[in-house]
N, C-alpha and C. Protein backbone atom coordinates (compact mmCIF):
# COMPACT_ATOMS: atom_id res chain seq x y z
N MET A 1 -8.31 40.52 -46.90
CA MET A 1 -8.85 39.25 -46.27
C MET A 1 -8.21 38.04 -46.76
N SER A 2 -7.48 37.28 -45.77
CA SER A 2 -6.65 36.06 -46.42
C SER A 2 -7.65 34.93 -46.25
N THR A 3 -7.26 34.12 -47.14
CA THR A 3 -7.89 32.85 -47.50
C THR A 3 -7.12 31.69 -46.69
N GLN A 4 -7.69 30.94 -45.75
CA GLN A 4 -6.89 29.68 -45.17
C GLN A 4 -6.74 28.59 -46.21
N ARG A 5 -5.54 28.05 -46.30
CA ARG A 5 -5.26 26.95 -47.19
C ARG A 5 -4.86 25.76 -46.46
N SER A 6 -5.19 24.60 -47.02
CA SER A 6 -4.92 23.33 -46.40
C SER A 6 -3.42 23.23 -46.50
N TYR A 7 -2.91 22.52 -45.53
CA TYR A 7 -1.28 22.00 -45.39
C TYR A 7 -1.12 21.43 -46.71
N LYS A 8 -1.97 20.74 -47.37
CA LYS A 8 -1.69 19.96 -48.68
C LYS A 8 -1.36 21.00 -49.75
N THR A 9 -1.72 22.31 -49.85
CA THR A 9 -1.44 23.18 -50.75
C THR A 9 -0.29 24.12 -50.47
N LEU A 10 0.24 23.83 -49.20
CA LEU A 10 1.32 24.87 -48.98
C LEU A 10 2.71 24.03 -49.03
N ASP A 11 3.34 24.28 -50.28
CA ASP A 11 4.64 23.70 -50.41
C ASP A 11 4.71 22.33 -49.88
N ALA A 12 3.90 21.50 -50.83
CA ALA A 12 3.49 20.08 -50.35
C ALA A 12 4.95 19.38 -50.56
N GLY A 13 5.65 19.56 -51.43
CA GLY A 13 6.78 18.76 -51.75
C GLY A 13 6.43 17.47 -52.38
N THR A 14 7.24 16.34 -52.26
CA THR A 14 7.01 15.15 -52.88
C THR A 14 6.28 14.30 -51.92
N ALA A 15 5.11 13.72 -52.25
CA ALA A 15 4.46 12.77 -51.48
C ALA A 15 5.04 11.42 -51.25
N VAL A 16 5.22 10.79 -50.20
CA VAL A 16 5.89 9.52 -49.86
C VAL A 16 4.61 8.80 -49.50
N ASN A 17 4.48 7.44 -50.31
CA ASN A 17 3.35 6.65 -49.89
C ASN A 17 3.81 5.19 -49.94
N PHE A 18 5.02 4.70 -49.79
CA PHE A 18 5.57 3.46 -49.92
C PHE A 18 6.38 3.06 -48.72
N ILE A 19 6.53 1.85 -48.37
CA ILE A 19 7.51 1.48 -47.12
C ILE A 19 8.04 0.26 -47.55
N PRO A 20 9.24 0.37 -48.14
CA PRO A 20 9.81 -1.08 -48.41
C PRO A 20 10.25 -1.70 -47.18
N LEU A 21 10.11 -3.02 -46.99
CA LEU A 21 10.20 -3.49 -45.70
C LEU A 21 10.49 -4.96 -45.82
N GLN A 22 11.44 -5.52 -44.83
CA GLN A 22 11.67 -6.88 -44.80
C GLN A 22 11.54 -7.10 -43.18
N VAL A 23 10.63 -8.17 -42.86
CA VAL A 23 10.43 -8.49 -41.54
C VAL A 23 11.04 -9.78 -41.25
N ASP A 24 11.77 -9.94 -40.14
CA ASP A 24 12.45 -11.27 -39.82
C ASP A 24 11.31 -11.89 -38.83
N GLU A 25 10.82 -12.99 -39.01
CA GLU A 25 9.92 -13.69 -38.01
C GLU A 25 10.62 -14.64 -37.14
N GLY A 26 10.24 -14.73 -35.96
CA GLY A 26 10.78 -15.81 -35.28
C GLY A 26 10.13 -16.02 -33.82
N ARG A 27 10.79 -16.37 -32.77
CA ARG A 27 10.37 -16.55 -31.37
C ARG A 27 11.30 -16.40 -30.40
N LEU A 28 10.71 -16.04 -29.12
CA LEU A 28 11.63 -15.96 -28.05
C LEU A 28 12.12 -17.37 -27.44
N GLU A 29 13.07 -17.50 -27.26
CA GLU A 29 13.58 -18.90 -26.78
C GLU A 29 14.39 -18.95 -25.47
N ALA A 30 13.93 -19.63 -24.49
CA ALA A 30 14.67 -19.73 -23.25
C ALA A 30 15.86 -20.30 -23.22
N ARG A 31 17.00 -20.00 -22.71
CA ARG A 31 18.27 -20.60 -22.63
C ARG A 31 18.77 -20.69 -21.21
N GLY A 32 18.39 -21.62 -20.63
CA GLY A 32 18.74 -21.72 -19.01
C GLY A 32 18.34 -20.43 -18.43
N GLU A 33 19.21 -19.56 -17.84
CA GLU A 33 18.79 -18.26 -17.20
C GLU A 33 18.45 -17.18 -17.95
N SER A 34 18.77 -17.39 -19.49
CA SER A 34 18.61 -16.24 -20.09
C SER A 34 17.66 -16.53 -21.42
N ALA A 35 17.51 -15.86 -22.35
CA ALA A 35 16.64 -15.67 -23.52
C ALA A 35 17.43 -15.24 -24.78
N VAL A 36 16.96 -15.68 -25.88
CA VAL A 36 17.52 -15.05 -27.20
C VAL A 36 16.29 -14.87 -28.02
N LEU A 37 16.27 -14.10 -28.95
CA LEU A 37 15.34 -13.93 -30.02
C LEU A 37 15.91 -14.69 -31.23
N VAL A 38 15.12 -15.78 -31.65
CA VAL A 38 15.63 -16.62 -32.65
C VAL A 38 14.66 -16.30 -33.97
N LEU A 39 15.45 -15.88 -35.05
CA LEU A 39 14.83 -15.48 -36.36
C LEU A 39 14.80 -16.80 -37.23
N GLU A 40 13.58 -16.84 -37.71
CA GLU A 40 13.53 -18.19 -38.62
C GLU A 40 13.09 -18.14 -39.92
N LYS A 41 12.43 -16.84 -40.27
CA LYS A 41 12.11 -16.71 -41.78
C LYS A 41 11.94 -15.35 -41.94
N GLU A 42 11.66 -14.86 -43.19
CA GLU A 42 11.72 -13.58 -43.62
C GLU A 42 10.31 -13.24 -44.28
N ALA A 43 9.72 -12.17 -44.28
CA ALA A 43 8.42 -11.97 -44.66
C ALA A 43 8.39 -10.54 -45.25
N GLN A 44 7.39 -10.11 -46.08
CA GLN A 44 7.35 -8.88 -46.76
C GLN A 44 6.68 -7.85 -45.86
N GLY A 45 6.15 -8.19 -44.82
CA GLY A 45 5.38 -7.27 -43.83
C GLY A 45 5.20 -8.05 -42.58
N PRO A 46 4.68 -7.24 -41.44
CA PRO A 46 4.40 -7.90 -40.19
C PRO A 46 3.53 -9.10 -40.40
N THR A 47 3.89 -9.87 -39.45
CA THR A 47 2.94 -11.36 -39.57
C THR A 47 2.20 -11.43 -38.17
N ILE A 48 2.36 -10.64 -37.37
CA ILE A 48 1.58 -10.61 -35.92
C ILE A 48 0.20 -10.17 -36.32
N SER A 49 -0.82 -10.98 -35.86
CA SER A 49 -2.27 -10.59 -36.09
C SER A 49 -2.42 -9.26 -35.40
N GLY A 50 -2.96 -8.40 -36.37
CA GLY A 50 -3.44 -6.96 -35.81
C GLY A 50 -2.36 -5.75 -36.06
N VAL A 51 -1.04 -6.25 -36.10
CA VAL A 51 -0.01 -5.39 -36.27
C VAL A 51 -0.10 -4.86 -37.88
N GLU A 52 -0.23 -3.32 -37.99
CA GLU A 52 -0.34 -2.86 -39.34
C GLU A 52 0.85 -1.76 -39.52
N LEU A 53 1.40 -1.66 -40.62
CA LEU A 53 2.32 -0.83 -41.01
C LEU A 53 1.78 0.01 -42.06
N VAL A 54 1.54 1.26 -42.08
CA VAL A 54 1.12 2.33 -43.10
C VAL A 54 1.94 3.53 -43.05
N GLN A 55 1.80 4.17 -44.02
CA GLN A 55 2.64 5.48 -44.40
C GLN A 55 1.68 6.57 -44.07
N ALA A 56 1.88 7.30 -42.95
CA ALA A 56 1.10 8.52 -42.78
C ALA A 56 1.29 9.52 -43.87
N GLN A 57 0.46 10.47 -44.05
CA GLN A 57 0.76 11.38 -45.04
C GLN A 57 1.86 12.15 -44.76
N THR A 58 2.77 12.04 -45.78
CA THR A 58 4.18 12.62 -45.54
C THR A 58 4.52 13.19 -46.88
N PHE A 59 5.01 14.55 -46.73
CA PHE A 59 5.57 15.31 -47.80
C PHE A 59 6.94 15.74 -47.47
N ILE A 60 7.85 15.54 -48.52
CA ILE A 60 9.36 15.89 -48.33
C ILE A 60 9.74 16.85 -49.17
N ASN A 61 10.46 17.89 -48.98
CA ASN A 61 11.12 18.63 -50.02
C ASN A 61 12.51 19.02 -49.38
N GLU A 62 13.21 19.97 -50.00
CA GLU A 62 14.69 20.27 -49.56
C GLU A 62 14.79 20.76 -48.19
N ARG A 63 13.80 21.43 -47.69
CA ARG A 63 13.86 22.22 -46.34
C ARG A 63 13.37 21.50 -45.24
N ARG A 64 12.44 20.54 -45.43
CA ARG A 64 11.73 20.05 -44.34
C ARG A 64 10.90 18.55 -44.68
N VAL A 65 10.50 17.90 -43.67
CA VAL A 65 9.58 16.84 -43.75
C VAL A 65 8.26 17.07 -42.88
N LEU A 66 7.29 16.91 -43.57
CA LEU A 66 5.91 17.16 -42.94
C LEU A 66 5.23 16.02 -42.72
N VAL A 67 4.92 15.61 -41.63
CA VAL A 67 4.15 14.38 -41.34
C VAL A 67 2.94 14.58 -40.70
N VAL A 68 1.79 14.07 -41.25
CA VAL A 68 0.39 14.25 -40.72
C VAL A 68 0.25 13.11 -39.56
N SER A 69 0.23 13.52 -38.35
CA SER A 69 0.17 12.54 -37.34
C SER A 69 -1.09 12.02 -37.07
N TYR A 70 -2.16 12.80 -37.32
CA TYR A 70 -3.54 12.36 -37.44
C TYR A 70 -4.35 13.49 -38.01
N ASN A 71 -5.43 13.14 -38.69
CA ASN A 71 -6.44 14.04 -39.31
C ASN A 71 -7.81 13.61 -38.72
N SER A 72 -8.86 14.26 -39.51
CA SER A 72 -10.16 13.95 -39.22
C SER A 72 -10.50 12.57 -39.77
N THR A 73 -9.94 11.82 -40.49
CA THR A 73 -10.36 10.49 -40.91
C THR A 73 -9.64 9.43 -40.10
N GLU A 74 -8.70 9.78 -39.13
CA GLU A 74 -8.25 8.79 -38.26
C GLU A 74 -8.31 9.31 -36.76
N PRO A 75 -8.88 8.50 -35.88
CA PRO A 75 -9.00 8.76 -34.50
C PRO A 75 -7.47 9.00 -33.99
N PRO A 76 -7.29 10.13 -33.25
CA PRO A 76 -5.99 10.15 -32.76
C PRO A 76 -5.74 9.49 -31.30
N GLY A 77 -6.93 9.09 -30.90
CA GLY A 77 -6.80 8.34 -29.45
C GLY A 77 -6.73 9.43 -28.45
N THR A 78 -6.44 9.25 -27.12
CA THR A 78 -6.52 10.18 -26.21
C THR A 78 -5.36 10.87 -25.63
N LEU A 79 -4.41 10.11 -26.05
CA LEU A 79 -2.95 10.68 -25.63
C LEU A 79 -1.97 10.71 -26.87
N GLY A 80 -1.08 11.68 -27.11
CA GLY A 80 -0.10 11.89 -27.94
C GLY A 80 1.20 12.35 -27.35
N TYR A 81 2.28 11.83 -27.71
CA TYR A 81 3.52 12.49 -27.29
C TYR A 81 4.71 12.02 -28.32
N THR A 82 5.81 12.81 -28.05
CA THR A 82 6.94 12.67 -28.87
C THR A 82 8.01 12.09 -28.00
N VAL A 83 8.78 11.16 -28.53
CA VAL A 83 9.77 10.55 -27.82
C VAL A 83 11.15 10.47 -28.60
N VAL A 84 12.13 11.24 -28.17
CA VAL A 84 13.50 11.41 -28.66
C VAL A 84 14.32 10.19 -28.01
N VAL A 85 15.00 9.28 -28.98
CA VAL A 85 15.62 8.09 -28.46
C VAL A 85 17.24 8.25 -28.83
N ARG A 86 17.89 8.39 -27.93
CA ARG A 86 19.26 8.50 -28.21
C ARG A 86 19.85 7.40 -29.10
N PRO A 87 21.05 7.53 -29.74
CA PRO A 87 21.65 6.36 -30.44
C PRO A 87 21.97 5.33 -29.55
N GLY A 88 21.72 4.15 -29.78
CA GLY A 88 22.10 2.97 -29.08
C GLY A 88 21.16 2.68 -27.78
N TYR A 89 20.01 3.42 -27.70
CA TYR A 89 19.20 3.17 -26.63
C TYR A 89 17.81 2.74 -27.05
N SER A 90 16.88 2.48 -26.24
CA SER A 90 15.72 2.05 -26.60
C SER A 90 14.56 2.45 -25.81
N VAL A 91 13.27 2.35 -26.24
CA VAL A 91 12.04 2.67 -25.42
C VAL A 91 11.19 1.37 -25.46
N GLY A 92 10.26 1.26 -24.60
CA GLY A 92 9.26 0.11 -24.61
C GLY A 92 9.73 -0.76 -23.64
N ASP A 93 9.89 -2.18 -24.19
CA ASP A 93 10.15 -3.30 -23.39
C ASP A 93 9.05 -3.59 -22.61
N HIS A 94 7.91 -3.59 -23.02
CA HIS A 94 6.55 -3.85 -22.41
C HIS A 94 5.37 -4.15 -23.36
N TYR A 95 4.34 -4.45 -22.69
CA TYR A 95 2.96 -4.42 -23.49
C TYR A 95 2.00 -4.01 -22.56
N HIS A 96 0.91 -3.73 -23.21
CA HIS A 96 -0.25 -3.15 -22.46
C HIS A 96 -1.60 -4.07 -22.53
N HIS A 97 -2.40 -4.12 -21.41
CA HIS A 97 -3.68 -4.82 -21.23
C HIS A 97 -4.62 -4.17 -22.05
N ARG A 98 -4.82 -2.89 -21.92
CA ARG A 98 -5.88 -2.07 -22.51
C ARG A 98 -5.57 -1.04 -23.64
N ARG A 99 -4.30 -0.67 -23.89
CA ARG A 99 -3.79 0.24 -24.60
C ARG A 99 -3.33 0.01 -25.85
N GLU A 100 -3.95 0.56 -27.00
CA GLU A 100 -3.29 0.19 -28.38
C GLU A 100 -2.39 1.57 -28.67
N GLU A 101 -1.48 1.36 -29.41
CA GLU A 101 -0.62 2.54 -29.96
C GLU A 101 -0.32 2.48 -31.43
N ARG A 102 -0.29 3.72 -31.79
CA ARG A 102 0.27 3.93 -33.18
C ARG A 102 1.64 4.58 -33.00
N ILE A 103 2.49 4.06 -33.57
CA ILE A 103 3.94 4.68 -33.38
C ILE A 103 4.58 5.20 -34.82
N LEU A 104 4.70 6.42 -35.00
CA LEU A 104 5.21 7.06 -36.17
C LEU A 104 6.69 7.37 -36.10
N VAL A 105 7.46 7.00 -36.96
CA VAL A 105 8.76 7.38 -37.04
C VAL A 105 8.94 8.67 -37.56
N LEU A 106 9.32 9.76 -37.04
CA LEU A 106 9.41 10.99 -37.70
C LEU A 106 10.92 11.26 -38.10
N HIS A 107 11.69 10.82 -37.40
CA HIS A 107 13.24 11.03 -37.78
C HIS A 107 14.08 10.03 -37.39
N GLY A 108 15.15 9.50 -38.15
CA GLY A 108 16.01 8.35 -37.66
C GLY A 108 15.67 7.11 -38.27
N ARG A 109 16.48 6.18 -37.50
CA ARG A 109 16.37 4.65 -37.88
C ARG A 109 15.92 4.02 -36.73
N ALA A 110 14.82 3.21 -36.71
CA ALA A 110 14.20 2.50 -35.70
C ALA A 110 14.05 1.13 -35.83
N GLN A 111 14.71 0.26 -34.93
CA GLN A 111 14.35 -1.15 -35.13
C GLN A 111 13.20 -1.69 -34.05
N PHE A 112 12.17 -2.01 -34.68
CA PHE A 112 11.02 -2.70 -33.91
C PHE A 112 11.17 -4.06 -33.64
N ARG A 113 10.96 -4.37 -32.30
CA ARG A 113 10.94 -5.71 -31.93
C ARG A 113 9.49 -6.10 -31.17
N LEU A 114 8.73 -6.78 -31.88
CA LEU A 114 7.47 -6.99 -31.54
C LEU A 114 7.33 -8.56 -31.24
N LEU A 115 6.50 -8.87 -29.96
CA LEU A 115 6.17 -10.16 -29.72
C LEU A 115 4.85 -10.33 -29.17
N ASP A 116 4.16 -11.17 -29.77
CA ASP A 116 2.65 -11.32 -29.52
C ASP A 116 2.37 -12.20 -28.22
N GLU A 117 1.93 -11.34 -27.14
CA GLU A 117 1.71 -12.06 -25.89
C GLU A 117 0.34 -12.30 -25.50
N ARG A 118 -0.59 -12.32 -26.48
CA ARG A 118 -1.97 -12.65 -26.36
C ARG A 118 -2.36 -14.04 -26.39
N PRO A 119 -2.51 -14.68 -25.51
CA PRO A 119 -2.82 -16.42 -25.43
C PRO A 119 -3.86 -16.73 -26.57
N ASP A 120 -4.84 -15.85 -26.61
CA ASP A 120 -5.93 -16.26 -27.44
C ASP A 120 -5.76 -15.89 -28.91
N SER A 121 -4.75 -15.29 -29.35
CA SER A 121 -4.30 -14.99 -30.57
C SER A 121 -3.72 -16.11 -31.59
N GLN A 122 -4.16 -16.02 -32.86
CA GLN A 122 -3.39 -17.17 -33.52
C GLN A 122 -2.01 -16.83 -33.97
N THR A 123 -1.44 -15.91 -33.52
CA THR A 123 -0.07 -15.58 -33.84
C THR A 123 0.74 -15.53 -32.29
N PHE A 124 0.00 -16.07 -31.32
CA PHE A 124 0.72 -15.99 -29.92
C PHE A 124 1.98 -16.43 -29.94
N GLY A 125 3.14 -15.74 -29.43
CA GLY A 125 4.47 -16.32 -29.35
C GLY A 125 5.24 -15.85 -30.64
N VAL A 126 4.54 -15.26 -31.66
CA VAL A 126 5.40 -14.84 -32.83
C VAL A 126 6.13 -13.54 -32.61
N LEU A 127 7.30 -13.59 -32.98
CA LEU A 127 8.19 -12.39 -33.01
C LEU A 127 8.39 -11.78 -34.24
N ASN A 128 8.32 -10.39 -34.41
CA ASN A 128 8.60 -9.78 -35.70
C ASN A 128 9.79 -8.82 -35.48
N VAL A 129 10.72 -8.47 -36.17
CA VAL A 129 11.83 -7.68 -36.05
C VAL A 129 12.13 -6.91 -37.34
N PHE A 130 12.04 -5.66 -37.40
CA PHE A 130 12.13 -4.88 -38.73
C PHE A 130 12.57 -3.58 -38.46
N THR A 131 13.30 -2.98 -39.41
CA THR A 131 13.89 -1.70 -39.13
C THR A 131 13.13 -0.73 -39.99
N ILE A 132 12.73 0.59 -39.54
CA ILE A 132 12.20 1.54 -40.45
C ILE A 132 13.13 2.94 -40.53
N ASP A 133 13.14 3.40 -41.59
CA ASP A 133 13.88 4.70 -41.46
C ASP A 133 13.29 5.86 -42.49
N TYR A 134 11.89 5.36 -42.78
CA TYR A 134 11.18 6.44 -43.63
C TYR A 134 10.41 7.32 -42.67
N PRO A 135 10.52 8.61 -42.92
CA PRO A 135 9.69 9.47 -42.04
C PRO A 135 8.24 9.14 -42.31
N GLY A 136 7.33 9.22 -41.38
CA GLY A 136 5.72 9.03 -41.46
C GLY A 136 5.48 7.52 -41.57
N SER A 137 6.43 6.71 -41.36
CA SER A 137 6.02 5.12 -41.30
C SER A 137 5.31 4.99 -39.90
N CYS A 138 4.34 4.24 -40.00
CA CYS A 138 3.50 4.29 -38.71
C CYS A 138 3.19 2.68 -38.45
N VAL A 139 3.52 2.26 -37.32
CA VAL A 139 3.30 0.83 -36.87
C VAL A 139 2.10 1.09 -35.77
N ARG A 140 1.09 0.08 -36.04
CA ARG A 140 -0.12 0.00 -35.00
C ARG A 140 0.29 -1.24 -34.26
N VAL A 141 0.32 -0.94 -32.99
CA VAL A 141 0.83 -2.00 -31.96
C VAL A 141 -0.56 -2.21 -31.11
N PRO A 142 -1.19 -3.42 -31.27
CA PRO A 142 -2.53 -3.73 -30.70
C PRO A 142 -2.16 -4.14 -29.17
N THR A 143 -3.14 -3.96 -28.29
CA THR A 143 -3.00 -4.60 -26.95
C THR A 143 -2.50 -5.93 -26.90
N GLY A 144 -1.61 -6.16 -25.94
CA GLY A 144 -1.28 -7.47 -25.65
C GLY A 144 0.16 -7.77 -26.51
N VAL A 145 0.58 -6.83 -27.42
CA VAL A 145 1.74 -7.16 -28.22
C VAL A 145 2.87 -6.33 -27.64
N ALA A 146 3.76 -7.13 -27.15
CA ALA A 146 5.09 -6.65 -26.54
C ALA A 146 5.80 -5.73 -27.54
N HIS A 147 6.44 -4.58 -27.24
CA HIS A 147 7.26 -3.83 -28.22
C HIS A 147 8.36 -3.13 -27.64
N ALA A 148 9.51 -3.22 -28.24
CA ALA A 148 10.64 -2.31 -27.85
C ALA A 148 11.17 -1.77 -29.25
N ILE A 149 11.56 -0.43 -29.09
CA ILE A 149 12.04 0.26 -30.36
C ILE A 149 13.41 0.75 -29.88
N LEU A 150 14.52 0.48 -30.83
CA LEU A 150 15.57 0.76 -30.60
C LEU A 150 16.23 1.70 -31.60
N ALA A 151 16.95 2.87 -31.16
CA ALA A 151 17.58 3.83 -31.94
C ALA A 151 18.76 3.37 -32.57
N ASP A 152 18.70 2.99 -34.04
CA ASP A 152 19.62 2.49 -34.66
C ASP A 152 20.58 3.18 -35.47
N GLY A 153 21.69 3.75 -34.73
CA GLY A 153 22.70 4.53 -35.28
C GLY A 153 22.67 5.89 -35.15
N ALA A 154 21.47 6.71 -34.91
CA ALA A 154 21.29 8.11 -34.87
C ALA A 154 20.17 8.42 -33.87
N VAL A 155 20.02 9.71 -33.58
CA VAL A 155 18.93 10.01 -32.87
C VAL A 155 17.67 9.49 -33.52
N THR A 156 16.54 9.08 -32.93
CA THR A 156 15.27 8.64 -33.64
C THR A 156 14.39 9.45 -32.84
N VAL A 157 13.36 10.00 -33.71
CA VAL A 157 12.18 10.75 -33.11
C VAL A 157 11.05 9.93 -33.35
N LEU A 158 10.11 9.65 -32.34
CA LEU A 158 8.86 8.85 -32.41
C LEU A 158 7.62 9.62 -32.09
N GLN A 159 6.60 9.59 -32.67
CA GLN A 159 5.34 10.17 -32.38
C GLN A 159 4.47 9.07 -31.76
N VAL A 160 4.07 8.98 -30.56
CA VAL A 160 3.05 7.92 -30.01
C VAL A 160 1.82 8.48 -29.84
N LEU A 161 0.69 7.67 -30.42
CA LEU A 161 -0.58 8.15 -30.45
C LEU A 161 -1.18 6.95 -29.68
N ALA A 162 -1.90 7.28 -28.57
CA ALA A 162 -2.26 6.10 -27.66
C ALA A 162 -3.74 6.25 -27.62
N SER A 163 -4.36 4.97 -27.40
CA SER A 163 -5.78 4.97 -27.39
C SER A 163 -6.53 5.18 -25.88
N THR A 164 -5.46 5.29 -24.97
CA THR A 164 -5.82 5.66 -23.54
C THR A 164 -4.86 6.43 -22.89
N ASP A 165 -5.38 7.18 -21.74
CA ASP A 165 -4.42 7.74 -21.01
C ASP A 165 -3.17 6.86 -20.42
N TYR A 166 -2.15 7.44 -20.02
CA TYR A 166 -1.03 6.57 -19.35
C TYR A 166 -1.61 6.05 -17.99
N ASP A 167 -1.43 4.90 -17.74
CA ASP A 167 -1.94 4.11 -16.60
C ASP A 167 -0.66 3.12 -16.26
N PRO A 168 0.10 3.39 -15.27
CA PRO A 168 1.35 2.35 -14.93
C PRO A 168 0.78 1.05 -14.58
N GLY A 169 -0.39 0.72 -14.25
CA GLY A 169 -0.79 -0.49 -13.92
C GLY A 169 -1.25 -1.42 -15.20
N ASP A 170 -1.21 -0.48 -16.28
CA ASP A 170 -1.53 -1.21 -17.74
C ASP A 170 -0.31 -1.86 -18.28
N ASP A 171 0.94 -1.38 -17.96
CA ASP A 171 2.19 -1.85 -18.37
C ASP A 171 2.59 -3.08 -17.97
N VAL A 172 3.08 -4.01 -18.78
CA VAL A 172 3.57 -5.20 -18.26
C VAL A 172 5.08 -5.28 -18.85
N HIS A 173 6.20 -5.36 -18.00
CA HIS A 173 7.50 -5.35 -18.42
C HIS A 173 7.94 -6.51 -19.15
N LEU A 174 8.51 -6.51 -20.23
CA LEU A 174 8.89 -7.59 -20.87
C LEU A 174 10.16 -7.28 -21.75
N THR A 175 11.52 -7.71 -21.30
CA THR A 175 12.68 -6.99 -21.96
C THR A 175 12.93 -7.68 -23.35
N LEU A 176 12.82 -7.05 -24.32
CA LEU A 176 13.22 -7.39 -25.78
C LEU A 176 14.44 -6.59 -26.30
N SER A 177 14.67 -5.53 -25.87
CA SER A 177 15.64 -4.82 -26.56
C SER A 177 17.19 -5.35 -26.39
N THR A 178 17.25 -5.82 -25.12
CA THR A 178 18.65 -6.20 -24.95
C THR A 178 19.10 -7.72 -25.20
N LEU A 179 17.91 -8.45 -25.71
CA LEU A 179 18.18 -9.77 -26.09
C LEU A 179 19.04 -9.87 -27.34
N LYS A 180 19.67 -11.12 -27.54
CA LYS A 180 20.45 -11.37 -28.53
C LYS A 180 19.64 -11.80 -29.76
N LEU A 181 19.85 -11.29 -30.91
CA LEU A 181 19.14 -11.82 -32.00
C LEU A 181 20.16 -12.89 -32.71
N GLU A 182 19.56 -13.88 -33.03
CA GLU A 182 20.37 -15.00 -33.90
C GLU A 182 19.46 -15.67 -34.81
N ARG A 183 19.94 -16.07 -35.90
CA ARG A 183 19.31 -16.81 -36.95
C ARG A 183 19.18 -18.30 -36.46
N SER A 184 18.11 -18.99 -37.08
CA SER A 184 18.09 -20.42 -36.61
C SER A 184 18.98 -21.06 -37.65
N ALA A 185 19.19 -22.35 -37.42
CA ALA A 185 20.00 -23.19 -38.20
C ALA A 185 19.12 -23.32 -39.49
N GLN A 186 17.90 -23.43 -39.51
CA GLN A 186 16.99 -23.72 -40.66
C GLN A 186 17.04 -22.70 -41.51
N ASP A 187 16.88 -21.46 -40.96
CA ASP A 187 16.85 -20.13 -41.71
C ASP A 187 18.40 -19.88 -42.45
N SER A 188 19.39 -20.22 -41.54
CA SER A 188 20.82 -19.89 -42.03
C SER A 188 21.01 -20.96 -43.26
N ALA A 189 20.53 -22.14 -43.25
CA ALA A 189 20.84 -22.92 -44.35
C ALA A 189 20.08 -22.65 -45.64
N ALA A 190 18.98 -21.98 -45.51
CA ALA A 190 18.10 -21.55 -46.62
C ALA A 190 18.76 -20.75 -47.74
């Protein structure tokens, strides 16, 4: 008779529980017919209200990376899917009226561009740009926060856990991925 063992006892490897991160904070600036993302200062973590960055349970050894996408202590939401983003391409460029997402980086390097589009938020108009390349890093994106994720240099694999089923009427398109990033003169002088 076999005994069922928890994934934690099956060749667990080294637990990863840190995410060194630098976030560039800024704003979207209109320039005639176009727009740019102006980066104004640096922070040690996300500065948009409600955006969280956590490390999912992740175990790494020489043969594999095991990322626990959800378990009994965290609600998975109602929809989960995996997205493979080819190098140099992006996904997102939208925000949702009703849907919250948790986006896990499973493999590769992902640049996140987040813009708070919630008029009643204390961080309305705040932009955060950061890059994650740690397996199991999880970004919570609240409703009303525009997001674009760019595959930075290699294939990037994402796991998305959403609070509601897909509804095209819930998506509001907002292009962030193709906009130029530039440092403000104030930030460059510092």
